[in-house]
Protein backbone atom coordinates (compact mmCIF):
# COMPACT_ATOMS: atom_id res chain seq x y z
CA UNK A 1 13.16 20.14 -0.56
CA UNK A 2 16.34 18.99 1.63
CA UNK A 3 16.88 15.75 2.86
CA UNK A 4 19.50 14.37 5.03
CA UNK A 5 21.02 10.69 4.93
CA UNK A 6 21.73 8.92 7.95
CA UNK A 7 23.96 6.31 7.77
CA UNK A 8 27.45 6.00 5.67
CA UNK A 9 28.16 2.56 5.63
CA UNK A 10 27.14 0.32 2.45
CA UNK A 11 24.07 1.68 1.53
CA UNK A 12 24.18 5.25 2.31
CA UNK A 13 26.65 6.49 -0.16
CA UNK A 14 24.06 5.10 -2.96
CA UNK A 15 21.51 7.21 -1.61
CA UNK A 16 23.87 9.99 -0.97
CA UNK A 17 24.78 9.44 -4.72
CA UNK A 18 21.11 9.19 -5.83
CA UNK A 19 19.51 12.45 -3.62
CA UNK A 20 22.45 14.66 -4.83
CA UNK A 21 21.90 13.83 -8.56
CA UNK A 22 18.05 14.41 -7.99
CA UNK A 23 16.09 17.15 -9.60
CA UNK A 24 13.78 16.82 -6.75
CA UNK A 25 16.01 16.95 -3.97
CA UNK A 26 19.05 18.84 -2.11
CA UNK A 27 21.31 16.85 -0.33
CA UNK A 28 21.78 19.15 2.86
CA UNK A 29 23.87 16.48 5.10
CA UNK A 30 25.29 13.53 6.02
CA UNK A 31 24.88 12.17 9.67
CA UNK A 32 26.95 8.84 10.62
CA UNK A 33 28.85 8.37 14.31
CA UNK A 34 32.20 7.88 11.93
CA UNK A 35 32.69 11.15 10.98
CA UNK A 36 35.46 10.34 9.02
CA UNK A 37 33.32 7.74 6.90
CA UNK A 38 30.69 10.30 6.70
CA UNK A 39 33.21 12.72 5.06
CA UNK A 40 34.38 10.51 2.51
CA UNK A 41 30.78 10.10 1.39
CA UNK A 42 30.74 13.45 1.24
CA UNK A 43 33.69 14.30 -0.49
CA UNK A 44 32.67 11.32 -3.21
CA UNK A 45 29.42 13.53 -4.23
CA UNK A 46 30.86 16.73 -4.51
CA UNK A 47 30.71 17.56 -0.69
CA UNK A 48 28.38 18.30 1.86
CA UNK A 49 28.44 19.36 5.72
CA UNK A 50 28.44 16.18 7.44
CA UNK A 51 27.99 15.56 11.37
CA UNK A 52 27.57 12.77 13.74
CA UNK A 53 24.55 14.32 15.79
CA UNK A 54 21.51 13.04 14.83
CA UNK A 55 19.89 15.62 17.10
CA UNK A 56 21.65 18.44 15.29
CA UNK A 57 19.95 16.92 12.02
CA UNK A 58 16.65 16.52 13.62
CA UNK A 59 16.62 20.46 14.90
CA UNK A 60 17.72 22.11 11.63
CA UNK A 61 14.19 23.28 10.04
CA UNK A 62 15.51 23.72 6.80
CA UNK A 63 15.61 19.75 6.12
CA UNK A 64 12.39 18.22 4.76
CA UNK A 65 13.69 15.00 5.26
CA UNK A 66 15.77 11.94 6.16
CA UNK A 67 16.90 8.83 4.61
CA UNK A 68 18.26 6.22 6.89
CA UNK A 69 20.78 3.71 6.03
CA UNK A 70 21.25 1.84 9.57
CA UNK A 71 20.83 -1.47 11.03
CA UNK A 72 17.20 -2.59 11.12
CA UNK A 73 17.23 -2.56 15.23
CA UNK A 74 18.25 1.03 15.30
CA UNK A 75 15.40 2.12 12.74
CA UNK A 76 12.66 2.39 15.74
CA UNK A 77 14.35 4.85 17.50
CA UNK A 78 15.56 7.33 14.67
CA UNK A 79 12.43 6.58 13.07
CA UNK A 80 10.23 8.15 15.69
CA UNK A 81 12.64 10.81 16.69
CA UNK A 82 12.36 12.10 12.76
CA UNK A 83 8.50 11.71 13.09
CA UNK A 84 8.71 13.58 16.28
CA UNK A 85 10.62 16.23 14.74
CA UNK A 86 8.56 16.75 11.97
CA UNK A 87 10.55 15.08 8.77
CA UNK A 88 8.83 12.74 6.34
CA UNK A 89 11.19 9.67 6.67
CA UNK A 90 12.72 6.66 3.73
CA UNK A 91 14.11 3.65 5.87
CA UNK A 92 16.36 0.87 4.26
CA UNK A 93 14.83 -2.73 4.48
CA UNK A 94 13.57 -4.20 6.49
CA UNK A 95 11.25 -1.34 8.11
CA UNK A 96 12.29 -2.15 11.48
CA UNK A 97 13.57 -5.22 14.05
CA UNK A 98 9.97 -6.29 15.27
CA UNK A 99 6.52 -5.60 13.94
CA UNK A 100 5.80 -3.93 17.08
CA UNK A 101 8.34 -1.15 16.36
CA UNK A 102 6.73 -1.09 12.85
CA UNK A 103 3.09 -0.47 14.15
CA UNK A 104 4.51 1.96 15.80
CA UNK A 105 6.44 3.73 13.47
CA UNK A 106 3.42 3.70 10.85
CA UNK A 107 0.95 4.90 12.96
CA UNK A 108 2.81 7.91 14.28
CA UNK A 109 3.39 8.98 10.49
CA UNK A 110 -0.55 8.45 9.75
CA UNK A 111 -1.16 10.36 12.88
CA UNK A 112 1.72 13.47 12.20
CA UNK A 113 0.14 13.31 8.51
CA UNK A 114 4.06 12.83 7.23
CA UNK A 115 5.37 9.95 4.88
CA UNK A 116 7.27 7.17 5.64
CA UNK A 117 8.28 4.95 2.99
CA UNK A 118 9.83 1.73 2.51
CA UNK A 119 13.09 1.97 0.54
CA UNK A 120 12.35 -1.38 -1.07
CA UNK A 121 14.77 -0.68 -3.51
CA UNK A 122 13.86 -3.26 -6.15
CA UNK A 123 10.24 -2.50 -6.41
CA UNK A 124 11.90 0.25 -8.47
CA UNK A 125 13.94 -1.42 -10.88
CA UNK A 126 12.11 -1.13 -14.16
CA UNK A 127 11.86 -4.53 -14.60
CA UNK A 128 9.19 -5.31 -11.40
CA UNK A 129 7.59 -2.25 -12.46
CA UNK A 130 6.60 -3.68 -15.61
CA UNK A 131 5.79 -7.09 -13.99
CA UNK A 132 3.75 -5.02 -11.47
CA UNK A 133 2.10 -3.37 -14.93
CA UNK A 134 1.78 -6.93 -16.49
CA UNK A 135 0.22 -8.55 -13.48
CA UNK A 136 -2.28 -5.47 -13.29
CA UNK A 137 -3.28 -5.54 -16.58
CA UNK A 138 -4.25 -9.30 -16.17
CA UNK A 139 -1.83 -10.39 -18.76
CA UNK A 140 -0.84 -13.31 -16.81
CA UNK A 141 -4.62 -14.04 -16.12
CA UNK A 142 -5.23 -15.67 -12.06
CA UNK A 143 -1.88 -16.07 -9.77
CA UNK A 144 -1.06 -19.50 -9.62
CA UNK A 145 2.40 -19.40 -8.15
CA UNK A 146 5.47 -17.20 -7.46
CA UNK A 147 9.11 -19.20 -6.94
CA UNK A 148 11.36 -16.97 -5.66
CA UNK A 149 15.55 -17.57 -5.94
CA UNK A 150 18.12 -15.14 -4.55
CA UNK A 151 21.28 -17.14 -3.55
CA UNK A 152 25.09 -16.16 -4.15
CA UNK A 153 28.50 -16.52 -1.98
CA UNK A 154 27.67 -13.62 -0.12
CA UNK A 155 28.37 -12.00 3.38
CA UNK A 156 27.38 -13.61 6.70
CA UNK A 157 25.71 -10.85 8.43
CA UNK A 158 26.87 -10.80 12.42
CA UNK A 159 23.31 -9.85 13.75
CA UNK A 160 20.37 -11.44 11.17
CA UNK A 161 19.94 -14.79 9.51
CA UNK A 162 19.97 -15.43 5.86
CA UNK A 163 16.04 -14.78 5.70
CA UNK A 164 16.10 -11.21 7.77
CA UNK A 165 19.11 -10.33 5.04
CA UNK A 166 17.86 -11.77 1.79
CA UNK A 167 14.10 -12.28 1.76
CA UNK A 168 13.01 -8.85 2.37
CA UNK A 169 13.64 -8.11 -1.12
CA UNK A 170 11.58 -10.66 -2.63
CA UNK A 171 8.91 -10.40 -0.36
CA UNK A 172 8.42 -6.73 -0.86
CA UNK A 173 8.66 -7.56 -4.64
CA UNK A 174 6.17 -10.40 -4.01
CA UNK A 175 3.72 -7.41 -2.08
CA UNK A 176 4.53 -4.91 -4.34
CA UNK A 177 3.28 -6.91 -7.84
CA UNK A 178 0.36 -8.64 -6.15
CA UNK A 179 -3.11 -6.44 -5.96
CA UNK A 180 -3.61 -5.23 -2.68
CA UNK A 181 -0.32 -7.01 -1.41
CA UNK A 182 0.97 -9.88 0.24
CA UNK A 183 -2.44 -11.83 1.72
CA UNK A 184 -1.24 -14.70 3.64
CA UNK A 185 -2.70 -16.90 6.84
CA UNK A 186 0.59 -19.03 7.20
CA UNK A 187 4.57 -19.46 6.68
CA UNK A 188 6.56 -22.13 7.41
CA UNK A 189 10.22 -21.79 7.27
CA UNK A 190 13.24 -24.20 7.23
CA UNK A 191 16.72 -23.10 7.54
CA UNK A 192 20.40 -24.66 7.90
CA UNK A 193 23.33 -23.43 9.56
CA UNK A 194 25.56 -25.63 8.31
CA UNK A 195 28.76 -23.50 9.18
CA UNK A 196 27.65 -23.64 12.89
CA UNK A 197 27.18 -19.83 12.87
CA UNK A 198 24.12 -19.58 15.22
CA UNK A 199 21.99 -18.37 12.52
CA UNK A 200 20.36 -19.71 9.50
CA UNK A 201 22.61 -19.39 6.13
CA UNK A 202 20.18 -21.36 3.90
CA UNK A 203 17.03 -21.03 3.86
CA UNK A 204 13.05 -22.15 2.32
CA UNK A 205 10.26 -20.15 3.15
CA UNK A 206 6.80 -21.45 1.96
CA UNK A 207 3.76 -19.08 1.71
CA UNK A 208 0.14 -20.14 0.72
CA UNK A 209 -1.57 -17.28 -0.79
CA UNK A 210 -5.21 -16.28 -0.20
CA UNK A 211 -7.28 -17.61 -3.49
CA UNK A 212 -5.23 -20.70 -3.82
CA UNK A 213 -1.72 -19.28 -5.13
CA UNK A 214 1.44 -20.54 -3.21
CA UNK A 215 5.17 -18.49 -2.61
CA UNK A 216 8.15 -20.21 -2.06
CA UNK A 217 11.41 -17.92 -1.48
CA UNK A 218 15.03 -19.63 -1.87
CA UNK A 219 17.75 -17.89 0.08
CA UNK A 220 21.25 -18.96 0.33
CA UNK A 221 24.47 -17.18 1.73
CA UNK A 222 26.84 -20.30 0.34
CA UNK A 223 26.00 -20.74 -2.99
CA UNK A 224 29.27 -20.63 -5.54
CA UNK A 225 26.91 -19.42 -8.08
CA UNK A 226 24.90 -16.09 -7.83
CA UNK A 227 21.26 -16.57 -8.89
CA UNK A 228 18.45 -13.79 -8.70
CA UNK A 229 15.14 -15.02 -10.18
CA UNK A 230 11.39 -14.82 -10.26
CA UNK A 231 9.24 -17.12 -12.15
CA UNK A 232 4.88 -15.94 -11.56
CA UNK A 233 3.15 -18.45 -13.14
CA UNK A 234 -0.76 -17.62 -14.54
CA UNK A 235 -3.69 -19.00 -15.72
CA UNK A 236 -2.67 -17.23 -19.24
CA UNK A 237 0.82 -17.02 -19.25
CA UNK A 238 4.44 -17.26 -17.33
CA UNK A 239 6.54 -15.05 -16.50
CA UNK A 240 10.20 -15.46 -15.49
CA UNK A 241 12.25 -12.23 -14.19
CA UNK A 242 16.37 -13.24 -14.20
CA UNK A 243 17.95 -10.01 -12.81
CA UNK A 244 21.15 -10.64 -13.55
CA UNK A 245 20.45 -11.19 -17.51
CA UNK A 246 20.40 -6.86 -18.70
CA UNK A 247 19.55 -8.19 -22.61
CA UNK A 248 16.26 -9.85 -21.04
CA UNK A 249 15.32 -9.11 -17.73
CA UNK A 250 11.72 -9.97 -17.94
CA UNK A 251 10.33 -12.87 -19.91
CA UNK A 252 6.67 -13.66 -20.74
CA UNK A 253 5.67 -17.21 -21.92
CA UNK A 254 2.58 -18.19 -23.62
CA UNK A 255 2.98 -21.70 -22.69
CA UNK A 256 1.89 -23.83 -20.34
CA UNK A 257 -1.29 -26.28 -18.82
CA UNK A 258 -4.24 -25.19 -20.64
CA UNK A 259 -6.40 -25.10 -17.60
CA UNK A 260 -9.43 -23.94 -19.40
CA UNK A 261 -9.36 -27.07 -21.54
CA UNK A 262 -9.07 -29.52 -18.28
CA UNK A 263 -11.95 -27.71 -16.46
CA UNK A 264 -14.08 -28.95 -19.47
CA UNK A 265 -13.30 -32.58 -18.67
CA UNK A 266 -15.91 -34.06 -16.82
CA UNK A 267 -14.93 -36.10 -13.26
CA UNK A 268 -15.27 -39.29 -15.11
CA UNK A 269 -13.33 -37.84 -18.05
CA UNK A 270 -10.31 -36.30 -15.82
CA UNK A 271 -9.02 -39.21 -14.49
CA UNK A 272 -8.33 -40.51 -18.04
CA UNK A 273 -7.66 -37.17 -20.12
CA UNK A 274 -4.70 -36.45 -21.15
CA UNK A 275 -3.29 -32.75 -19.66
CA UNK A 276 -3.73 -30.07 -22.23
CA UNK A 277 -0.32 -27.61 -22.84
CA UNK A 278 -0.74 -24.99 -24.63
CA UNK A 279 2.54 -24.21 -26.48
CA UNK A 280 2.20 -20.13 -27.72
CA UNK A 281 5.14 -17.35 -27.90
CA UNK A 282 7.66 -15.53 -26.04
CA UNK A 283 8.11 -12.46 -25.36
CA UNK A 284 10.49 -9.70 -23.57
CA UNK A 285 9.29 -6.20 -22.81
CA UNK A 286 11.68 -3.01 -23.38
CA UNK A 287 13.24 -1.68 -20.25
CA UNK A 288 14.50 1.42 -19.67
CA UNK A 289 17.90 1.50 -18.26
CA UNK A 290 16.95 3.73 -15.11
CA UNK A 291 18.42 3.35 -11.80
CA UNK A 292 16.24 1.86 -8.96
CA UNK A 293 17.27 4.27 -6.69
CA UNK A 294 16.64 7.51 -8.60
CA UNK A 295 13.27 6.35 -9.16
CA UNK A 296 12.74 5.78 -5.21
CA UNK A 297 13.91 9.24 -4.56
CA UNK A 298 11.50 10.64 -7.14
CA UNK A 299 8.03 8.69 -5.74
CA UNK A 300 9.72 10.02 -2.25
CA UNK A 301 9.12 13.20 -3.08
CA UNK A 302 6.36 12.83 -5.38
CA UNK A 303 4.68 11.16 -2.27
CA UNK A 304 5.57 14.22 0.18
CA UNK A 305 4.39 16.90 -2.75
CA UNK A 306 0.89 15.64 -3.57
CA UNK A 307 0.45 14.33 0.17
CA UNK A 308 -0.35 10.85 -0.65
CA UNK A 309 1.27 7.32 0.27
CA UNK A 310 4.17 5.89 -1.54
CA UNK A 311 3.89 2.96 -3.23
CA UNK A 312 6.06 1.08 -1.25
CA UNK A 313 4.55 2.76 2.41
CA UNK A 314 4.68 1.53 5.97
CA UNK A 315 1.54 -0.41 5.37
CA UNK A 316 3.77 -2.62 2.96
CA UNK A 317 6.82 -2.69 5.14
CA UNK A 318 4.96 -4.12 7.61
CA UNK A 319 3.51 -6.66 5.49
CA UNK A 320 6.66 -7.63 4.71
CA UNK A 321 8.08 -7.36 8.26
CA UNK A 322 4.76 -9.40 9.27
CA UNK A 323 6.00 -12.28 6.82
CA UNK A 324 9.47 -12.43 8.43
CA UNK A 325 8.40 -12.69 11.89
CA UNK A 326 6.22 -15.47 11.30
CA UNK A 327 9.52 -17.28 9.46
CA UNK A 328 11.52 -16.74 12.55
CA UNK A 329 8.73 -18.45 14.93
CA UNK A 330 8.31 -21.09 12.16
CA UNK A 331 11.98 -21.78 12.25
CA UNK A 332 11.89 -21.71 16.20
CA UNK A 333 9.07 -24.79 16.05
CA UNK A 334 10.90 -26.98 13.28
CA UNK A 335 9.35 -25.54 10.41
CA UNK A 336 5.76 -25.83 11.54
CA UNK A 337 3.43 -23.82 10.20
CA UNK A 338 3.18 -20.34 11.92
CA UNK A 339 -0.04 -17.63 11.17
CA UNK A 340 0.49 -14.09 9.81
CA UNK A 341 -0.83 -11.74 11.39
CA UNK A 342 -1.83 -8.55 9.29
CA UNK A 343 -1.05 -9.07 5.70
CA UNK A 344 -5.07 -8.82 5.15
CA UNK A 345 -4.92 -5.36 6.09
CA UNK A 346 -6.71 -6.12 9.54
CA UNK A 347 -5.58 -4.06 12.52
CA UNK A 348 -2.74 -4.96 14.67
CA UNK A 349 -4.03 -3.46 17.76
């Protein structure tokens, strides 16, 4: 199939390289308003046509799909035009700039029988694919908590705060590994702007999940150290994902509080009971070394050929978007818990 990459800035070159290397795709064109930048990307992948005209891309019947790597505020008009032209679409995170726009995009794709895929890239890393597999197999038991940290001395984005810049990665992973995706009633968010930029540069997001678990996400542009880590605690085992440790990205700990022993205590015993701890082995599953975007391009092609939703479809993008929008509302009200609509699959109409 033929694909065009729209946007040749930060993420577009990575998409172009992986589509060019894929056995499923022919990279047909690169589209960017800055033709010089588009040409530089094209030259790096061995030469493909470049254009500054999105209309030209959409009018080309030979192009089956487009991959969008432009600012979130532009996703809605580009996606809607692409779907109207009969193109399948993958779009980088977040899916859109508002839930309203995202919902319209998802509905349009469904009505036209086209694939709309959120490029939640981390979900296609071997580590996160393994985590999803372990959770689905019940290796961790029932999930009790998810604690995620994504901090670094990073670029202060001009158009979004740290929540909209970094948290989509963590939220998309949480949505991907939990059976049925994120299901939350409310979100509370606290942010700080010590640089006076007018937006949060440090953020903490807390999200109680249905079933009694809780998720917490810490994002920060100002940390001198870089951390990409998620701890997932279950009734059986606890898993730690450390994305910056290539030798052992995933570790599974068979230790923690023994909930089975605790539940046997009577109400009167519980007050005096000593907490029972489980001290078992730690193991690390072997992971293949495969670039996440390579897996993403393969999944995009498979979803189109098999006429099915992708693993990170528009609905998953909407669930992440709903949490982000609720986090913004919470920030605006001083951190008060704000309801999350639509993360349990309910109709947002």
